[in-house]
Amino acid sequence: MSSQNARRHGLTAEPPAGLVGAWYNIILDSDPCAPEAPHLDDADGDDPRREAALRLAIAEVCYHRALHALEAHPREPGSAQARMSEFQVAMHAHLDELVATRPNGRPQLEALEYASSALRRFEGMANTVAHERNLYKRYVGEARAQRRKALRAWCDINRPPNPNSRNELKRQPRWSK
């Protein structure tokens, strides 16, 4: 079930080609007047620089989509956070009504039972909210890890080769001459 959560939330869907293309052109520093379209089946399919740029572009789009989902989820109408906020407002209104209408200054037993039941329900909702938030944080973490790997690959391809290895940089001891 948990392996299907990201699919249910739409975070494992293929990223939009337009966004990938935009990131691809930013990464390659292409001319904005003549953007390139990223293709894996091009004649340049064996170009590791373009492949790394495409991987990084896809990772960037996925990361930003997951980050947006984490930030926007509490404001979505059907989310647990929205339901909990609605319940909290209704519960405060009901408690205010109980205080205003209690006879002889004493709370009614039914009202106390209802409030106790509502608190248990509220605790359950709080657990659901925390679970959903942790789930979205995990999605962001996974996307961040993929982005980090793609960025590392991009940097490795674009870094000029070091003509000296570590061993060649070490100085020879004087007595070995």
N, C-alpha and C. Protein backbone atom coordinates (compact mmCIF):
# COMPACT_ATOMS: atom_id res chain seq x y z
N MET A 1 0.82 -1.19 0.00
CA MET A 1 0.00 0.00 0.00
C MET A 1 0.87 1.25 0.00
N SER A 2 1.91 1.29 0.86
CA SER A 2 2.72 2.49 0.94
C SER A 2 3.50 2.75 -0.34
N SER A 3 3.77 1.69 -1.11
CA SER A 3 4.50 1.89 -2.36
C SER A 3 3.63 2.60 -3.40
N GLN A 4 2.33 2.62 -3.19
CA GLN A 4 1.42 3.27 -4.13
C GLN A 4 1.09 4.71 -3.73
N ASN A 5 1.59 5.17 -2.57
CA ASN A 5 1.25 6.50 -2.08
C ASN A 5 1.70 7.59 -3.04
N ALA A 6 2.93 7.50 -3.52
CA ALA A 6 3.44 8.54 -4.41
C ALA A 6 2.64 8.56 -5.71
N ARG A 7 2.27 7.40 -6.20
CA ARG A 7 1.46 7.35 -7.42
C ARG A 7 0.09 7.98 -7.16
N ARG A 8 -0.49 7.68 -5.99
CA ARG A 8 -1.79 8.24 -5.64
C ARG A 8 -1.73 9.75 -5.55
N HIS A 9 -0.63 10.28 -5.05
CA HIS A 9 -0.48 11.72 -4.93
C HIS A 9 0.02 12.37 -6.21
N GLY A 10 0.28 11.58 -7.25
CA GLY A 10 0.68 12.13 -8.54
C GLY A 10 2.13 12.54 -8.62
N LEU A 11 2.96 12.06 -7.71
CA LEU A 11 4.34 12.51 -7.69
C LEU A 11 5.28 11.60 -8.48
N THR A 12 4.79 10.47 -8.98
CA THR A 12 5.65 9.61 -9.78
C THR A 12 5.28 9.66 -11.25
N ALA A 13 4.35 10.51 -11.60
CA ALA A 13 3.96 10.65 -13.01
C ALA A 13 5.13 11.26 -13.79
N GLU A 14 5.12 11.02 -15.07
CA GLU A 14 6.17 11.59 -15.92
C GLU A 14 6.10 13.12 -15.85
N PRO A 15 7.25 13.76 -15.67
CA PRO A 15 7.23 15.22 -15.57
C PRO A 15 6.83 15.86 -16.91
N PRO A 16 6.19 17.01 -16.88
CA PRO A 16 5.77 17.68 -18.11
C PRO A 16 6.98 18.00 -19.00
N ALA A 17 6.84 17.70 -20.28
CA ALA A 17 7.94 17.89 -21.23
C ALA A 17 8.36 19.36 -21.32
N GLY A 18 7.42 20.27 -21.22
CA GLY A 18 7.75 21.69 -21.31
C GLY A 18 8.66 22.14 -20.18
N LEU A 19 8.36 21.68 -18.95
CA LEU A 19 9.22 22.03 -17.82
C LEU A 19 10.59 21.39 -17.94
N VAL A 20 10.61 20.13 -18.36
CA VAL A 20 11.90 19.45 -18.54
C VAL A 20 12.72 20.18 -19.60
N GLY A 21 12.07 20.57 -20.69
CA GLY A 21 12.77 21.30 -21.75
C GLY A 21 13.32 22.63 -21.27
N ALA A 22 12.55 23.32 -20.45
CA ALA A 22 13.01 24.61 -19.93
C ALA A 22 14.23 24.42 -19.04
N TRP A 23 14.17 23.46 -18.12
CA TRP A 23 15.32 23.18 -17.26
C TRP A 23 16.52 22.72 -18.08
N TYR A 24 16.27 21.88 -19.08
CA TYR A 24 17.33 21.36 -19.94
C TYR A 24 18.08 22.52 -20.61
N ASN A 25 17.35 23.49 -21.12
CA ASN A 25 17.98 24.64 -21.78
C ASN A 25 18.69 25.55 -20.79
N ILE A 26 18.17 25.66 -19.58
CA ILE A 26 18.86 26.45 -18.56
C ILE A 26 20.17 25.77 -18.18
N ILE A 27 20.13 24.47 -17.99
CA ILE A 27 21.32 23.73 -17.60
C ILE A 27 22.40 23.80 -18.68
N LEU A 28 21.98 23.66 -19.93
CA LEU A 28 22.95 23.71 -21.03
C LEU A 28 23.32 25.14 -21.41
N ASP A 29 22.67 26.10 -20.79
CA ASP A 29 22.89 27.52 -21.08
C ASP A 29 22.65 27.81 -22.56
N SER A 30 21.54 27.26 -23.06
CA SER A 30 21.18 27.46 -24.47
C SER A 30 20.65 28.87 -24.69
N ASP A 31 20.72 29.31 -25.91
CA ASP A 31 20.20 30.62 -26.29
C ASP A 31 18.69 30.63 -26.12
N PRO A 32 18.12 31.58 -25.36
CA PRO A 32 16.67 31.61 -25.17
C PRO A 32 15.90 31.78 -26.47
N CYS A 33 16.53 32.37 -27.49
CA CYS A 33 15.85 32.57 -28.77
C CYS A 33 15.81 31.28 -29.58
N ALA A 34 16.70 30.35 -29.30
CA ALA A 34 16.76 29.09 -30.04
C ALA A 34 16.91 27.93 -29.06
N PRO A 35 15.86 27.62 -28.28
CA PRO A 35 15.98 26.54 -27.29
C PRO A 35 16.10 25.18 -27.96
N GLU A 36 16.79 24.27 -27.29
CA GLU A 36 16.95 22.90 -27.77
C GLU A 36 15.88 22.03 -27.13
N ALA A 37 15.45 21.02 -27.86
CA ALA A 37 14.50 20.07 -27.30
C ALA A 37 15.29 18.84 -26.82
N PRO A 38 15.06 18.41 -25.60
CA PRO A 38 15.79 17.24 -25.10
C PRO A 38 15.25 15.95 -25.71
N HIS A 39 16.12 15.15 -26.29
CA HIS A 39 15.73 13.86 -26.87
C HIS A 39 16.79 12.84 -26.54
N LEU A 40 16.36 11.68 -26.10
CA LEU A 40 17.31 10.61 -25.85
C LEU A 40 17.60 9.82 -27.13
N ASP A 41 16.69 9.85 -28.08
CA ASP A 41 16.87 9.06 -29.29
C ASP A 41 17.48 9.88 -30.43
N ASP A 42 18.08 11.02 -30.11
CA ASP A 42 18.73 11.87 -31.10
C ASP A 42 20.00 11.24 -31.63
N ALA A 43 20.59 11.87 -32.61
CA ALA A 43 21.91 11.46 -33.09
C ALA A 43 22.95 11.72 -32.00
N ASP A 44 22.66 12.68 -31.11
CA ASP A 44 23.56 12.99 -30.00
C ASP A 44 23.28 12.11 -28.79
N GLY A 45 22.63 10.99 -29.01
CA GLY A 45 22.27 10.11 -27.90
C GLY A 45 23.47 9.58 -27.16
N ASP A 46 24.62 9.58 -27.79
CA ASP A 46 25.83 9.11 -27.12
C ASP A 46 26.61 10.24 -26.48
N ASP A 47 26.03 11.44 -26.44
CA ASP A 47 26.69 12.59 -25.81
C ASP A 47 26.39 12.54 -24.31
N PRO A 48 27.39 12.19 -23.49
CA PRO A 48 27.14 12.07 -22.05
C PRO A 48 26.77 13.40 -21.40
N ARG A 49 27.22 14.50 -21.97
CA ARG A 49 26.89 15.81 -21.39
C ARG A 49 25.40 16.09 -21.53
N ARG A 50 24.84 15.81 -22.69
CA ARG A 50 23.40 16.04 -22.89
C ARG A 50 22.56 15.05 -22.08
N GLU A 51 23.02 13.82 -21.98
CA GLU A 51 22.30 12.83 -21.16
C GLU A 51 22.29 13.26 -19.70
N ALA A 52 23.43 13.74 -19.20
CA ALA A 52 23.50 14.20 -17.81
C ALA A 52 22.63 15.45 -17.62
N ALA A 53 22.59 16.32 -18.61
CA ALA A 53 21.74 17.52 -18.53
C ALA A 53 20.27 17.13 -18.49
N LEU A 54 19.89 16.13 -19.28
CA LEU A 54 18.50 15.67 -19.28
C LEU A 54 18.15 15.03 -17.94
N ARG A 55 19.04 14.21 -17.41
CA ARG A 55 18.80 13.60 -16.09
C ARG A 55 18.64 14.66 -15.02
N LEU A 56 19.50 15.67 -15.06
CA LEU A 56 19.41 16.75 -14.08
C LEU A 56 18.13 17.56 -14.26
N ALA A 57 17.73 17.80 -15.50
CA ALA A 57 16.48 18.54 -15.76
C ALA A 57 15.27 17.79 -15.21
N ILE A 58 15.23 16.48 -15.44
CA ILE A 58 14.12 15.67 -14.93
C ILE A 58 14.13 15.68 -13.40
N ALA A 59 15.31 15.55 -12.81
CA ALA A 59 15.42 15.56 -11.35
C ALA A 59 14.98 16.90 -10.76
N GLU A 60 15.33 18.00 -11.43
CA GLU A 60 14.91 19.32 -10.95
C GLU A 60 13.39 19.46 -10.98
N VAL A 61 12.78 19.02 -12.07
CA VAL A 61 11.32 19.12 -12.18
C VAL A 61 10.65 18.27 -11.09
N CYS A 62 11.14 17.06 -10.88
CA CYS A 62 10.56 16.19 -9.86
C CYS A 62 10.74 16.77 -8.46
N TYR A 63 11.90 17.34 -8.20
CA TYR A 63 12.16 17.94 -6.89
C TYR A 63 11.21 19.11 -6.64
N HIS A 64 11.08 20.00 -7.61
CA HIS A 64 10.22 21.17 -7.41
C HIS A 64 8.75 20.77 -7.32
N ARG A 65 8.36 19.71 -8.03
CA ARG A 65 6.98 19.24 -7.94
C ARG A 65 6.71 18.68 -6.54
N ALA A 66 7.65 17.91 -5.99
CA ALA A 66 7.49 17.36 -4.64
C ALA A 66 7.48 18.47 -3.59
N LEU A 67 8.35 19.45 -3.76
CA LEU A 67 8.41 20.58 -2.83
C LEU A 67 7.11 21.37 -2.86
N HIS A 68 6.58 21.60 -4.05
CA HIS A 68 5.30 22.31 -4.17
C HIS A 68 4.18 21.50 -3.51
N ALA A 69 4.19 20.18 -3.70
CA ALA A 69 3.15 19.34 -3.10
C ALA A 69 3.22 19.42 -1.57
N LEU A 70 4.43 19.44 -1.03
CA LEU A 70 4.59 19.54 0.42
C LEU A 70 4.03 20.86 0.94
N GLU A 71 4.29 21.94 0.22
CA GLU A 71 3.84 23.25 0.67
C GLU A 71 2.35 23.48 0.43
N ALA A 72 1.81 22.91 -0.66
CA ALA A 72 0.42 23.18 -1.03
C ALA A 72 -0.57 22.20 -0.39
N HIS A 73 -0.11 21.05 0.04
CA HIS A 73 -1.02 20.03 0.54
C HIS A 73 -1.91 20.49 1.69
N PRO A 74 -1.38 21.20 2.69
CA PRO A 74 -2.27 21.62 3.79
C PRO A 74 -3.41 22.53 3.35
N ARG A 75 -3.26 23.20 2.23
CA ARG A 75 -4.30 24.12 1.75
C ARG A 75 -5.31 23.46 0.82
N GLU A 76 -5.05 22.21 0.44
CA GLU A 76 -5.99 21.52 -0.46
C GLU A 76 -7.28 21.21 0.29
N PRO A 77 -8.43 21.34 -0.39
CA PRO A 77 -9.72 21.17 0.28
C PRO A 77 -9.93 19.79 0.92
N GLY A 78 -9.47 18.71 0.32
CA GLY A 78 -9.73 17.38 0.86
C GLY A 78 -8.63 16.84 1.74
N SER A 79 -7.62 17.62 2.04
CA SER A 79 -6.50 17.11 2.82
C SER A 79 -6.89 16.93 4.29
N ALA A 80 -6.13 16.13 4.99
CA ALA A 80 -6.40 15.90 6.40
C ALA A 80 -6.24 17.20 7.20
N GLN A 81 -5.28 18.03 6.79
CA GLN A 81 -5.07 19.31 7.48
C GLN A 81 -6.30 20.20 7.34
N ALA A 82 -6.89 20.25 6.15
CA ALA A 82 -8.08 21.07 5.93
C ALA A 82 -9.26 20.53 6.74
N ARG A 83 -9.42 19.20 6.75
CA ARG A 83 -10.52 18.61 7.52
C ARG A 83 -10.35 18.86 9.01
N MET A 84 -9.10 18.79 9.47
CA MET A 84 -8.84 19.02 10.89
C MET A 84 -9.10 20.48 11.25
N SER A 85 -8.74 21.39 10.38
CA SER A 85 -9.00 22.81 10.65
C SER A 85 -10.49 23.09 10.71
N GLU A 86 -11.26 22.50 9.79
CA GLU A 86 -12.72 22.67 9.81
C GLU A 86 -13.31 22.10 11.09
N PHE A 87 -12.83 20.92 11.48
CA PHE A 87 -13.32 20.29 12.71
C PHE A 87 -12.98 21.14 13.93
N GLN A 88 -11.78 21.71 13.94
CA GLN A 88 -11.36 22.54 15.07
C GLN A 88 -12.24 23.77 15.20
N VAL A 89 -12.58 24.40 14.09
CA VAL A 89 -13.46 25.57 14.11
C VAL A 89 -14.84 25.18 14.62
N ALA A 90 -15.37 24.06 14.13
CA ALA A 90 -16.69 23.61 14.58
C ALA A 90 -16.68 23.25 16.06
N MET A 91 -15.61 22.63 16.51
CA MET A 91 -15.52 22.25 17.92
C MET A 91 -15.44 23.47 18.82
N HIS A 92 -14.66 24.47 18.42
CA HIS A 92 -14.59 25.71 19.21
C HIS A 92 -15.96 26.38 19.29
N ALA A 93 -16.68 26.41 18.18
CA ALA A 93 -18.02 27.01 18.17
C ALA A 93 -18.96 26.25 19.10
N HIS A 94 -18.87 24.91 19.07
CA HIS A 94 -19.74 24.10 19.93
C HIS A 94 -19.39 24.31 21.41
N LEU A 95 -18.09 24.36 21.73
CA LEU A 95 -17.69 24.58 23.13
C LEU A 95 -18.11 25.96 23.61
N ASP A 96 -18.01 26.96 22.75
CA ASP A 96 -18.47 28.30 23.12
C ASP A 96 -19.97 28.30 23.39
N GLU A 97 -20.71 27.53 22.59
CA GLU A 97 -22.16 27.42 22.77
C GLU A 97 -22.48 26.70 24.09
N LEU A 98 -21.69 25.68 24.41
CA LEU A 98 -21.92 24.96 25.68
C LEU A 98 -21.71 25.87 26.88
N VAL A 99 -20.70 26.69 26.83
CA VAL A 99 -20.41 27.60 27.94
C VAL A 99 -21.55 28.61 28.09
N ALA A 100 -22.08 29.07 26.98
CA ALA A 100 -23.13 30.09 27.03
C ALA A 100 -24.47 29.53 27.49
N THR A 101 -24.75 28.25 27.24
CA THR A 101 -26.08 27.71 27.53
C THR A 101 -26.12 26.74 28.71
N ARG A 102 -25.08 26.65 29.50
CA ARG A 102 -25.10 25.67 30.59
C ARG A 102 -26.00 26.15 31.73
N PRO A 103 -26.86 25.25 32.26
CA PRO A 103 -27.76 25.64 33.36
C PRO A 103 -27.01 25.62 34.71
N ASN A 104 -27.27 26.60 35.52
CA ASN A 104 -26.70 26.71 36.87
C ASN A 104 -25.17 26.71 36.87
N GLY A 105 -24.55 27.06 35.77
CA GLY A 105 -23.10 27.13 35.72
C GLY A 105 -22.41 25.77 35.67
N ARG A 106 -23.18 24.68 35.55
CA ARG A 106 -22.59 23.34 35.50
C ARG A 106 -22.71 22.77 34.08
N PRO A 107 -21.66 22.11 33.61
CA PRO A 107 -21.77 21.50 32.28
C PRO A 107 -22.67 20.27 32.31
N GLN A 108 -23.35 20.01 31.22
CA GLN A 108 -24.21 18.84 31.12
C GLN A 108 -23.35 17.61 30.82
N LEU A 109 -23.77 16.46 31.32
CA LEU A 109 -23.02 15.22 31.14
C LEU A 109 -22.90 14.85 29.66
N GLU A 110 -23.98 15.02 28.91
CA GLU A 110 -23.94 14.69 27.47
C GLU A 110 -22.93 15.57 26.74
N ALA A 111 -22.88 16.82 27.14
CA ALA A 111 -21.95 17.74 26.49
C ALA A 111 -20.51 17.35 26.79
N LEU A 112 -20.24 16.91 28.03
CA LEU A 112 -18.88 16.48 28.37
C LEU A 112 -18.50 15.21 27.60
N GLU A 113 -19.45 14.29 27.45
CA GLU A 113 -19.17 13.07 26.68
C GLU A 113 -18.89 13.41 25.22
N TYR A 114 -19.66 14.34 24.69
CA TYR A 114 -19.44 14.76 23.31
C TYR A 114 -18.06 15.40 23.15
N ALA A 115 -17.68 16.25 24.11
CA ALA A 115 -16.38 16.91 24.04
C ALA A 115 -15.25 15.89 24.16
N SER A 116 -15.42 14.90 25.00
CA SER A 116 -14.41 13.85 25.16
C SER A 116 -14.27 13.04 23.87
N SER A 117 -15.40 12.72 23.27
CA SER A 117 -15.40 12.00 21.99
C SER A 117 -14.73 12.83 20.90
N ALA A 118 -15.03 14.12 20.90
CA ALA A 118 -14.45 15.01 19.89
C ALA A 118 -12.94 15.12 20.07
N LEU A 119 -12.46 15.14 21.31
CA LEU A 119 -11.02 15.20 21.56
C LEU A 119 -10.31 13.95 21.04
N ARG A 120 -10.94 12.78 21.24
CA ARG A 120 -10.35 11.53 20.72
C ARG A 120 -10.31 11.58 19.19
N ARG A 121 -11.36 12.07 18.59
CA ARG A 121 -11.40 12.20 17.13
C ARG A 121 -10.34 13.19 16.65
N PHE A 122 -10.18 14.27 17.39
CA PHE A 122 -9.19 15.29 17.03
C PHE A 122 -7.77 14.72 17.10
N GLU A 123 -7.50 13.90 18.12
CA GLU A 123 -6.18 13.26 18.23
C GLU A 123 -5.92 12.36 17.03
N GLY A 124 -6.93 11.61 16.61
CA GLY A 124 -6.79 10.75 15.43
C GLY A 124 -6.52 11.57 14.18
N MET A 125 -7.22 12.69 14.06
CA MET A 125 -6.99 13.55 12.90
C MET A 125 -5.59 14.15 12.93
N ALA A 126 -5.10 14.51 14.11
CA ALA A 126 -3.75 15.06 14.24
C ALA A 126 -2.72 14.02 13.81
N ASN A 127 -2.95 12.76 14.16
CA ASN A 127 -2.03 11.69 13.73
C ASN A 127 -2.05 11.54 12.22
N THR A 128 -3.22 11.64 11.61
CA THR A 128 -3.33 11.53 10.16
C THR A 128 -2.60 12.70 9.48
N VAL A 129 -2.76 13.89 10.02
CA VAL A 129 -2.08 15.07 9.48
C VAL A 129 -0.56 14.88 9.55
N ALA A 130 -0.08 14.41 10.69
CA ALA A 130 1.37 14.20 10.85
C ALA A 130 1.86 13.13 9.88
N HIS A 131 1.07 12.08 9.69
CA HIS A 131 1.46 11.02 8.76
C HIS A 131 1.56 11.55 7.33
N GLU A 132 0.55 12.32 6.91
CA GLU A 132 0.58 12.87 5.55
C GLU A 132 1.76 13.83 5.37
N ARG A 133 2.03 14.65 6.36
CA ARG A 133 3.15 15.59 6.27
C ARG A 133 4.48 14.84 6.17
N ASN A 134 4.63 13.79 6.97
CA ASN A 134 5.86 12.99 6.90
C ASN A 134 6.00 12.30 5.55
N LEU A 135 4.88 11.87 4.99
CA LEU A 135 4.90 11.24 3.68
C LEU A 135 5.39 12.22 2.61
N TYR A 136 4.87 13.43 2.63
CA TYR A 136 5.31 14.43 1.67
C TYR A 136 6.77 14.84 1.90
N LYS A 137 7.20 14.86 3.16
CA LYS A 137 8.61 15.14 3.44
C LYS A 137 9.49 14.03 2.87
N ARG A 138 9.02 12.79 2.95
CA ARG A 138 9.78 11.68 2.38
C ARG A 138 9.89 11.82 0.87
N TYR A 139 8.79 12.24 0.22
CA TYR A 139 8.83 12.45 -1.24
C TYR A 139 9.87 13.51 -1.59
N VAL A 140 9.90 14.59 -0.81
CA VAL A 140 10.88 15.65 -1.07
C VAL A 140 12.29 15.12 -0.86
N GLY A 141 12.49 14.34 0.18
CA GLY A 141 13.80 13.76 0.44
C GLY A 141 14.27 12.85 -0.68
N GLU A 142 13.35 12.02 -1.19
CA GLU A 142 13.71 11.13 -2.30
C GLU A 142 14.04 11.94 -3.56
N ALA A 143 13.25 12.96 -3.83
CA ALA A 143 13.51 13.80 -5.01
C ALA A 143 14.82 14.56 -4.84
N ARG A 144 15.10 15.01 -3.63
CA ARG A 144 16.36 15.72 -3.37
C ARG A 144 17.55 14.79 -3.58
N ALA A 145 17.42 13.53 -3.18
CA ALA A 145 18.50 12.57 -3.38
C ALA A 145 18.75 12.32 -4.87
N GLN A 146 17.67 12.19 -5.64
CA GLN A 146 17.83 12.00 -7.09
C GLN A 146 18.45 13.24 -7.73
N ARG A 147 18.06 14.38 -7.27
CA ARG A 147 18.63 15.63 -7.78
C ARG A 147 20.12 15.72 -7.45
N ARG A 148 20.48 15.34 -6.24
CA ARG A 148 21.88 15.37 -5.82
C ARG A 148 22.72 14.43 -6.69
N LYS A 149 22.21 13.23 -6.97
CA LYS A 149 22.93 12.28 -7.82
C LYS A 149 23.10 12.82 -9.23
N ALA A 150 22.03 13.39 -9.76
CA ALA A 150 22.09 13.94 -11.12
C ALA A 150 23.04 15.14 -11.18
N LEU A 151 23.04 15.96 -10.15
CA LEU A 151 23.94 17.11 -10.12
C LEU A 151 25.40 16.66 -10.01
N ARG A 152 25.62 15.63 -9.22
CA ARG A 152 26.98 15.10 -9.09
C ARG A 152 27.47 14.56 -10.44
N ALA A 153 26.60 13.84 -11.14
CA ALA A 153 26.96 13.32 -12.46
C ALA A 153 27.23 14.46 -13.44
N TRP A 154 26.41 15.50 -13.39
CA TRP A 154 26.59 16.67 -14.26
C TRP A 154 27.93 17.35 -13.98
N CYS A 155 28.24 17.52 -12.71
CA CYS A 155 29.51 18.16 -12.34
C CYS A 155 30.70 17.29 -12.75
N ASP A 156 30.58 15.98 -12.59
CA ASP A 156 31.68 15.08 -12.98
C ASP A 156 31.96 15.16 -14.47
N ILE A 157 30.92 15.29 -15.27
CA ILE A 157 31.10 15.35 -16.72
C ILE A 157 31.70 16.69 -17.12
N ASN A 158 31.32 17.75 -16.46
CA ASN A 158 31.78 19.09 -16.83
C ASN A 158 33.08 19.51 -16.16
N ARG A 159 33.54 18.74 -15.20
CA ARG A 159 34.79 19.08 -14.52
C ARG A 159 35.95 18.67 -15.43
N PRO A 160 36.91 19.55 -15.61
CA PRO A 160 38.06 19.17 -16.44
C PRO A 160 38.84 18.05 -15.76
N PRO A 161 39.41 17.15 -16.55
CA PRO A 161 40.13 16.04 -15.94
C PRO A 161 41.39 16.56 -15.22
N ASN A 162 41.70 15.94 -14.13
CA ASN A 162 42.88 16.30 -13.37
C ASN A 162 44.08 15.55 -13.94
N PRO A 163 45.04 16.26 -14.48
CA PRO A 163 46.18 15.56 -15.08
C PRO A 163 47.06 14.88 -14.04
N ASN A 164 46.95 15.29 -12.82
CA ASN A 164 47.76 14.71 -11.76
C ASN A 164 46.89 13.90 -10.82
N SER A 165 47.31 12.71 -10.56
CA SER A 165 46.59 11.93 -9.57
C SER A 165 47.13 12.29 -8.20
N ARG A 166 46.53 11.78 -7.17
CA ARG A 166 46.99 12.09 -5.82
C ARG A 166 48.44 11.65 -5.61
N ASN A 167 48.77 10.48 -6.15
CA ASN A 167 50.11 9.97 -5.94
C ASN A 167 51.16 10.83 -6.63
N GLU A 168 50.83 11.38 -7.77
CA GLU A 168 51.79 12.21 -8.50
C GLU A 168 52.00 13.55 -7.82
N LEU A 169 51.00 13.99 -7.05
CA LEU A 169 51.13 15.27 -6.37
C LEU A 169 52.01 15.17 -5.12
N LYS A 170 52.16 13.97 -4.59
CA LYS A 170 53.00 13.81 -3.41
C LYS A 170 54.45 14.00 -3.80
N ARG A 171 55.16 14.69 -2.96
CA ARG A 171 56.59 14.90 -3.22
C ARG A 171 57.36 13.64 -2.86
N GLN A 172 58.37 13.37 -3.61
CA GLN A 172 59.24 12.23 -3.34
C GLN A 172 60.14 12.58 -2.15
N PRO A 173 60.39 11.66 -1.27
CA PRO A 173 61.30 11.93 -0.15
C PRO A 173 62.73 12.18 -0.68
N ARG A 174 63.49 12.98 0.02
CA ARG A 174 64.83 13.36 -0.40
C ARG A 174 65.80 12.18 -0.43
N TRP A 175 65.64 11.24 0.45
CA TRP A 175 66.61 10.16 0.53
C TRP A 175 66.43 9.10 -0.55
N SER A 176 65.37 9.20 -1.36
CA SER A 176 65.17 8.20 -2.41
C SER A 176 65.93 8.53 -3.69
N LYS A 177 66.61 9.63 -3.75
CA LYS A 177 67.32 10.03 -4.96
C LYS A 177 68.51 9.22 -5.21
